[in-house]
Amino acid sequence: MLELLSDLKKGKRGAIAKAITIVENNPKETKKLLKIIFKDSGTSSIIGITGPAGAGKSSLINKTVISLKKLGTKPAVLAIDPTSHVTGGAILGDRVRMTESTDSGTYIRSIASRGATGAVSHSLRNSIRILEYAGFNPIIIESVGAGQTEVEISNIADITVVVFNPNTGDSIQTIKAGLTEIGDIYVVNKSDLAGTNQLFDAVRDYIGDSKRNPTILKTSVKKNSGITVFAKTLKDMMIIKNKFKVEKDLQRFEAELKDIVLNNIKKKVDEMLESDKSFSTYIKKLQLKTLDPFTVGDKLTKSLLK
């Protein structure tokens, strides 16, 4: 463990990979690791980048990371794989699209989302802490715009960026479907395509007049336009958001503690139900329709809380 921590502090890639693997797969070792590195965490700006599939997020991040490095920052990227480690889909896809930034020294890692309460948050929070300990700032989180994951990420991120692409016919519907509440910056990417101006106007009209007054930008990876402005906007916003970090940290710790307690309770309940003989008896009663699920659920809950 001491050697791992020493290598982590030096920012060695192998040590970072090993530490994140521990966080994802070994709860016991994770607790040991976090006890040591926790006091040195919470120092980096967290940028969440989300949006519909096909919006060009990975390619945009690839170019933006290079611009951020030129502005004197040391970025790292965590890409959330909504499937699993088995398929490797997001891992391979993101790595291929981000080779340029990887070659320039940026650390990029895909992490799997799992089924527990706050599943994305659990491995994500601790992976962020490892990257902070290794000296990275900002840390960029990439995810596909898919419901609950986005809420979790906007709760963790200091800055949330929503990326759209004029080529998807349902862009306006997507805007209305729930990504309107979370963005600090909205980016119309692939702005070399037809329909860019209409989408930009729609985003501005629908979101720009809100109380939050988010920034709305156009970018094109293909034409390498708007990337420098986007990177500069991010760096300026990092400084502004840093003033509210104490307040944001309170919210983050509250959400994290709730996740940990709920997961601990769930594990305990699962263990108790497995060893409770009446559980299988009740299931048979449900099958026979002699009792309804709510009555059974209430009876089991009362017996577990005694």
Protein backbone atom coordinates (compact mmCIF):
# COMPACT_ATOMS: atom_id res chain seq x y z
CA MET A 1 0.00 0.00 0.00
CA LEU A 2 2.82 2.48 0.87
CA GLU A 3 4.52 1.90 -2.48
CA LEU A 4 1.20 2.37 -4.29
CA LEU A 5 0.58 5.66 -2.44
CA SER A 6 4.10 6.89 -3.20
CA ASP A 7 3.66 6.10 -6.92
CA LEU A 8 0.20 7.70 -6.89
CA LYS A 9 1.61 10.92 -5.47
CA LYS A 10 4.13 10.95 -8.33
CA GLY A 11 1.24 10.57 -10.82
CA LYS A 12 2.48 7.22 -12.17
CA ARG A 13 -0.12 5.85 -14.60
CA GLY A 14 0.21 2.22 -13.49
CA ALA A 15 -0.43 3.19 -9.86
CA ILE A 16 -3.48 5.28 -10.83
CA ALA A 17 -4.91 2.37 -12.85
CA LYS A 18 -4.30 -0.05 -9.96
CA ALA A 19 -5.89 2.29 -7.39
CA ILE A 20 -9.04 2.86 -9.52
CA THR A 21 -9.35 -0.91 -10.05
CA ILE A 22 -9.24 -1.34 -6.25
CA VAL A 23 -11.98 1.28 -5.86
CA GLU A 24 -14.18 -0.54 -8.38
CA ASN A 25 -13.67 -4.10 -7.17
CA ASN A 26 -12.36 -4.32 -3.61
CA PRO A 27 -14.46 -2.57 -0.90
CA LYS A 28 -12.13 -3.65 1.94
CA GLU A 29 -8.97 -2.27 0.29
CA THR A 30 -10.89 0.83 -0.86
CA LYS A 31 -11.63 1.73 2.76
CA LYS A 32 -7.92 1.44 3.67
CA LEU A 33 -6.88 3.53 0.67
CA LEU A 34 -9.51 6.24 1.26
CA LYS A 35 -8.59 6.64 4.92
CA ILE A 36 -5.14 7.76 3.81
CA ILE A 37 -5.89 9.88 0.72
CA PHE A 38 -9.17 11.51 1.84
CA LYS A 39 -7.51 14.48 3.58
CA ASP A 40 -5.72 15.37 0.32
CA SER A 41 -8.90 15.22 -1.79
CA GLY A 42 -11.51 17.82 -2.73
CA THR A 43 -9.02 20.19 -4.34
CA SER A 44 -9.81 19.80 -8.07
CA SER A 45 -12.54 21.25 -10.25
CA ILE A 46 -14.92 18.55 -11.50
CA ILE A 47 -16.37 19.09 -14.98
CA GLY A 48 -19.28 16.84 -16.01
CA ILE A 49 -19.81 16.58 -19.79
CA THR A 50 -23.02 14.92 -20.91
CA GLY A 51 -25.48 14.90 -23.78
CA PRO A 52 -27.25 12.52 -26.17
CA ALA A 53 -25.34 9.63 -27.76
CA GLY A 54 -23.70 10.76 -31.00
CA ALA A 55 -23.24 14.37 -29.88
CA GLY A 56 -19.46 13.98 -30.34
CA LYS A 57 -18.50 14.31 -26.68
CA SER A 58 -15.37 12.12 -26.79
CA SER A 59 -13.89 13.91 -29.81
CA LEU A 60 -14.74 17.29 -28.27
CA ILE A 61 -13.13 16.30 -24.95
CA ASN A 62 -10.03 15.07 -26.82
CA LYS A 63 -9.47 18.52 -28.39
CA THR A 64 -10.58 20.52 -25.33
CA VAL A 65 -8.16 18.68 -23.04
CA ILE A 66 -5.27 19.70 -25.29
CA SER A 67 -6.42 23.36 -25.13
CA LEU A 68 -6.81 23.13 -21.34
CA LYS A 69 -3.23 21.86 -21.05
CA LYS A 70 -2.03 24.88 -23.05
CA LEU A 71 -3.84 27.06 -20.49
CA GLY A 72 -1.66 25.58 -17.74
CA THR A 73 -3.98 22.94 -16.28
CA LYS A 74 -3.42 19.19 -15.84
CA PRO A 75 -6.69 17.51 -16.89
CA ALA A 76 -7.77 13.87 -16.51
CA VAL A 77 -10.86 12.15 -17.95
CA LEU A 78 -13.20 9.53 -16.45
CA ALA A 79 -15.64 8.12 -19.02
CA ILE A 80 -18.66 6.32 -17.55
CA ASP A 81 -19.44 3.04 -19.27
CA PRO A 82 -23.20 2.51 -18.83
CA THR A 83 -22.85 -1.17 -19.76
CA SER A 84 -20.10 -3.15 -18.03
CA HIS A 85 -16.41 -4.02 -18.06
CA VAL A 86 -17.27 -7.18 -20.01
CA THR A 87 -18.37 -5.54 -23.26
CA GLY A 88 -15.60 -2.95 -23.36
CA GLY A 89 -17.78 -0.82 -25.66
CA ALA A 90 -17.25 2.55 -24.04
CA ILE A 91 -13.69 1.74 -23.06
CA LEU A 92 -12.56 0.99 -26.61
CA GLY A 93 -14.69 3.72 -28.19
CA ASP A 94 -13.52 6.50 -25.90
CA ARG A 95 -9.88 5.46 -26.02
CA VAL A 96 -9.90 5.45 -29.84
CA ARG A 97 -11.48 8.90 -30.00
CA MET A 98 -9.18 10.35 -27.33
CA THR A 99 -5.78 9.08 -28.54
CA GLU A 100 -4.48 12.60 -29.21
CA SER A 101 -5.06 13.79 -25.63
CA THR A 102 -3.79 10.48 -24.20
CA ASP A 103 -0.55 10.88 -26.17
CA SER A 104 -0.15 14.37 -24.70
CA GLY A 105 -0.08 12.90 -21.16
CA THR A 106 -3.74 13.15 -20.13
CA TYR A 107 -4.96 10.26 -17.99
CA ILE A 108 -8.14 8.68 -19.41
CA ARG A 109 -10.07 5.86 -17.80
CA SER A 110 -13.48 4.25 -18.37
CA ILE A 111 -15.39 3.20 -15.28
CA ALA A 112 -18.44 0.95 -15.14
CA SER A 113 -21.73 2.01 -13.60
CA ARG A 114 -23.21 -0.66 -11.37
CA GLY A 115 -26.62 -1.41 -9.89
CA ALA A 116 -26.23 -0.19 -6.30
CA THR A 117 -27.74 2.99 -4.87
CA GLY A 118 -25.60 5.84 -6.14
CA ALA A 119 -23.67 3.25 -8.16
CA VAL A 120 -22.16 5.74 -10.54
CA SER A 121 -21.34 8.05 -7.67
CA HIS A 122 -19.60 5.40 -5.56
CA SER A 123 -16.80 4.45 -7.94
CA LEU A 124 -16.78 7.92 -9.48
CA ARG A 125 -16.28 9.85 -6.23
CA ASN A 126 -13.40 7.66 -5.14
CA SER A 127 -11.80 7.58 -8.62
CA ILE A 128 -11.91 11.40 -8.56
CA ARG A 129 -10.15 11.36 -5.16
CA ILE A 130 -7.39 9.15 -6.56
CA LEU A 131 -6.85 11.51 -9.51
CA GLU A 132 -6.81 14.50 -7.14
CA TYR A 133 -4.19 12.76 -5.00
CA ALA A 134 -2.17 12.19 -8.20
CA GLY A 135 -2.27 15.92 -8.95
CA PHE A 136 -4.85 16.23 -11.75
CA ASN A 137 -7.04 19.33 -12.10
CA PRO A 138 -9.59 19.60 -13.64
CA ILE A 139 -11.14 16.13 -13.72
CA ILE A 140 -13.59 15.68 -16.59
CA ILE A 141 -16.44 13.17 -16.31
CA GLU A 142 -18.00 12.02 -19.60
CA SER A 143 -21.35 10.25 -19.72
CA VAL A 144 -24.18 9.51 -22.13
CA GLY A 145 -27.31 11.58 -21.45
CA ALA A 146 -29.44 8.92 -19.81
CA GLY A 147 -31.70 9.96 -16.96
CA GLN A 148 -30.63 9.22 -13.40
CA THR A 149 -26.92 9.10 -14.23
CA GLU A 150 -27.06 12.75 -15.29
CA VAL A 151 -28.62 13.82 -12.00
CA GLU A 152 -25.89 11.97 -10.09
CA ILE A 153 -23.16 13.57 -12.20
CA SER A 154 -24.56 17.10 -11.91
CA ASN A 155 -24.59 16.57 -8.12
CA ILE A 156 -20.90 15.60 -8.20
CA ALA A 157 -19.67 18.12 -10.80
CA ASP A 158 -18.73 21.75 -10.12
CA ILE A 159 -19.45 22.58 -13.77
CA THR A 160 -21.94 20.68 -15.93
CA VAL A 161 -21.65 20.87 -19.73
CA VAL A 162 -24.43 19.59 -22.02
CA VAL A 163 -23.39 18.82 -25.62
CA PHE A 164 -25.85 18.73 -28.54
CA ASN A 165 -25.43 17.87 -32.21
CA PRO A 166 -27.60 19.37 -35.01
CA ASN A 167 -27.51 16.11 -36.96
CA THR A 168 -29.88 14.25 -34.61
CA GLY A 169 -33.48 14.88 -35.60
CA ASP A 170 -34.76 14.74 -32.02
CA SER A 171 -32.38 17.39 -30.66
CA ILE A 172 -35.12 19.82 -29.65
CA GLN A 173 -37.09 17.02 -27.97
CA THR A 174 -33.94 15.98 -26.14
CA ILE A 175 -33.49 19.52 -24.87
CA LYS A 176 -37.01 19.44 -23.44
CA ALA A 177 -36.56 15.98 -21.94
CA GLY A 178 -34.57 16.90 -18.84
CA LEU A 179 -31.11 18.21 -19.69
CA THR A 180 -32.35 21.79 -19.36
CA GLU A 181 -32.06 21.96 -15.58
CA ILE A 182 -28.45 20.88 -15.09
CA GLY A 183 -26.18 22.74 -17.54
CA ASP A 184 -23.83 25.61 -16.74
CA ILE A 185 -22.60 25.51 -20.36
CA TYR A 186 -24.49 24.26 -23.43
CA VAL A 187 -22.43 23.38 -26.49
CA VAL A 188 -23.81 22.93 -30.02
CA ASN A 189 -21.08 20.63 -31.34
CA LYS A 190 -20.46 19.60 -34.97
CA SER A 191 -21.30 23.20 -35.89
CA ASP A 192 -20.00 22.55 -39.42
CA LEU A 193 -23.26 20.64 -40.08
CA ALA A 194 -26.49 22.05 -41.49
CA GLY A 195 -29.08 22.99 -38.88
CA THR A 196 -26.52 24.40 -36.43
CA ASN A 197 -27.99 27.90 -36.31
CA GLN A 198 -31.55 26.62 -35.80
CA LEU A 199 -30.40 24.37 -32.92
CA PHE A 200 -28.31 27.16 -31.39
CA ASP A 201 -31.34 29.51 -31.51
CA ALA A 202 -33.58 26.81 -30.02
CA VAL A 203 -31.16 26.19 -27.14
CA ARG A 204 -30.79 29.94 -26.52
CA ASP A 205 -34.56 30.54 -26.61
CA TYR A 206 -35.45 27.54 -24.51
CA ILE A 207 -32.63 27.59 -21.95
CA GLY A 208 -30.74 30.88 -22.26
CA ASP A 209 -33.42 33.03 -20.64
CA SER A 210 -33.58 30.92 -17.47
CA LYS A 211 -32.51 32.28 -14.06
CA ARG A 212 -29.24 30.33 -14.22
CA ASN A 213 -28.27 32.19 -17.41
CA PRO A 214 -26.00 29.43 -18.80
CA THR A 215 -23.32 30.01 -21.44
CA ILE A 216 -24.19 28.73 -24.95
CA LEU A 217 -21.36 28.00 -27.42
CA LYS A 218 -20.74 26.45 -30.85
CA THR A 219 -17.85 24.06 -31.52
CA SER A 220 -16.61 21.97 -34.42
CA VAL A 221 -13.92 19.33 -33.92
CA LYS A 222 -13.73 18.77 -37.68
CA LYS A 223 -12.95 22.45 -38.37
CA ASN A 224 -11.19 22.94 -35.01
CA SER A 225 -13.38 25.97 -34.29
CA GLY A 226 -14.70 27.15 -30.93
CA ILE A 227 -12.50 24.71 -28.97
CA THR A 228 -10.14 27.36 -27.56
CA VAL A 229 -13.10 29.53 -26.52
CA PHE A 230 -14.73 26.52 -24.84
CA ALA A 231 -11.52 25.64 -22.95
CA LYS A 232 -11.06 29.28 -21.87
CA THR A 233 -14.72 29.41 -20.72
CA LEU A 234 -14.15 26.27 -18.64
CA LYS A 235 -11.00 27.68 -17.03
CA ASP A 236 -12.71 30.98 -16.19
CA MET A 237 -15.71 29.12 -14.76
CA MET A 238 -13.42 26.90 -12.64
CA ILE A 239 -12.20 30.06 -10.88
CA ILE A 240 -15.76 31.36 -10.34
CA LYS A 241 -17.13 28.01 -9.10
CA ASN A 242 -14.21 27.59 -6.71
CA LYS A 243 -15.75 30.37 -4.59
CA PHE A 244 -18.79 28.14 -3.96
CA LYS A 245 -16.83 24.93 -3.30
CA VAL A 246 -17.57 24.81 0.46
CA GLU A 247 -21.32 24.99 -0.19
CA LYS A 248 -21.11 22.38 -2.99
CA ASP A 249 -19.01 20.06 -0.79
CA LEU A 250 -21.73 20.07 1.89
CA GLN A 251 -24.27 18.85 -0.69
CA ARG A 252 -21.84 16.24 -2.04
CA PHE A 253 -21.01 14.81 1.40
CA GLU A 254 -24.70 14.67 2.32
CA ALA A 255 -25.50 12.71 -0.88
CA GLU A 256 -22.48 10.42 -0.39
CA LEU A 257 -23.34 9.60 3.24
CA LYS A 258 -26.92 8.78 2.27
CA ASP A 259 -25.65 6.44 -0.48
CA ILE A 260 -23.24 4.67 1.91
CA VAL A 261 -25.85 4.25 4.67
CA LEU A 262 -28.53 3.02 2.21
CA ASN A 263 -26.10 0.51 0.68
CA ASN A 264 -25.03 -0.73 4.13
CA ILE A 265 -28.68 -1.16 5.14
CA LYS A 266 -29.50 -2.93 1.86
CA LYS A 267 -26.65 -5.42 2.38
CA LYS A 268 -27.76 -6.04 5.95
CA VAL A 269 -31.40 -6.55 4.91
CA ASP A 270 -30.35 -8.96 2.13
CA GLU A 271 -28.34 -11.01 4.66
CA MET A 272 -31.21 -11.03 7.17
CA LEU A 273 -33.80 -12.08 4.57
CA GLU A 274 -31.57 -14.89 3.29
CA SER A 275 -31.34 -16.34 6.79
CA ASP A 276 -35.01 -15.68 7.67
CA LYS A 277 -37.05 -18.89 7.30
CA SER A 278 -40.32 -16.96 7.23
CA PHE A 279 -39.20 -15.21 4.01
CA SER A 280 -39.64 -18.34 1.85
CA THR A 281 -42.90 -19.13 3.69
CA TYR A 282 -44.26 -15.71 2.79
CA ILE A 283 -43.23 -16.15 -0.87
CA LYS A 284 -45.32 -19.35 -0.98
CA LYS A 285 -48.26 -17.47 0.52
CA LEU A 286 -47.93 -14.88 -2.23
CA GLN A 287 -47.92 -17.66 -4.82
CA LEU A 288 -51.10 -19.10 -3.30
CA LYS A 289 -52.61 -15.59 -3.17
CA THR A 290 -53.45 -16.01 0.53
CA LEU A 291 -51.66 -12.72 1.25
CA ASP A 292 -50.90 -9.64 -0.89
CA PRO A 293 -47.36 -8.20 -1.40
CA PHE A 294 -47.97 -5.05 0.70
CA THR A 295 -49.16 -7.02 3.73
CA VAL A 296 -46.17 -9.37 3.44
CA GLY A 297 -43.76 -6.46 2.95
CA ASP A 298 -45.08 -4.70 6.08
CA LYS A 299 -44.88 -7.90 8.16
CA LEU A 300 -41.27 -8.59 7.09
CA THR A 301 -40.24 -4.98 7.68
CA LYS A 302 -41.66 -5.05 11.22
CA SER A 303 -39.86 -8.32 12.00
CA LEU A 304 -36.53 -6.95 10.66
CA LEU A 305 -36.80 -3.71 12.64
CA LYS A 306 -37.45 -5.42 15.99
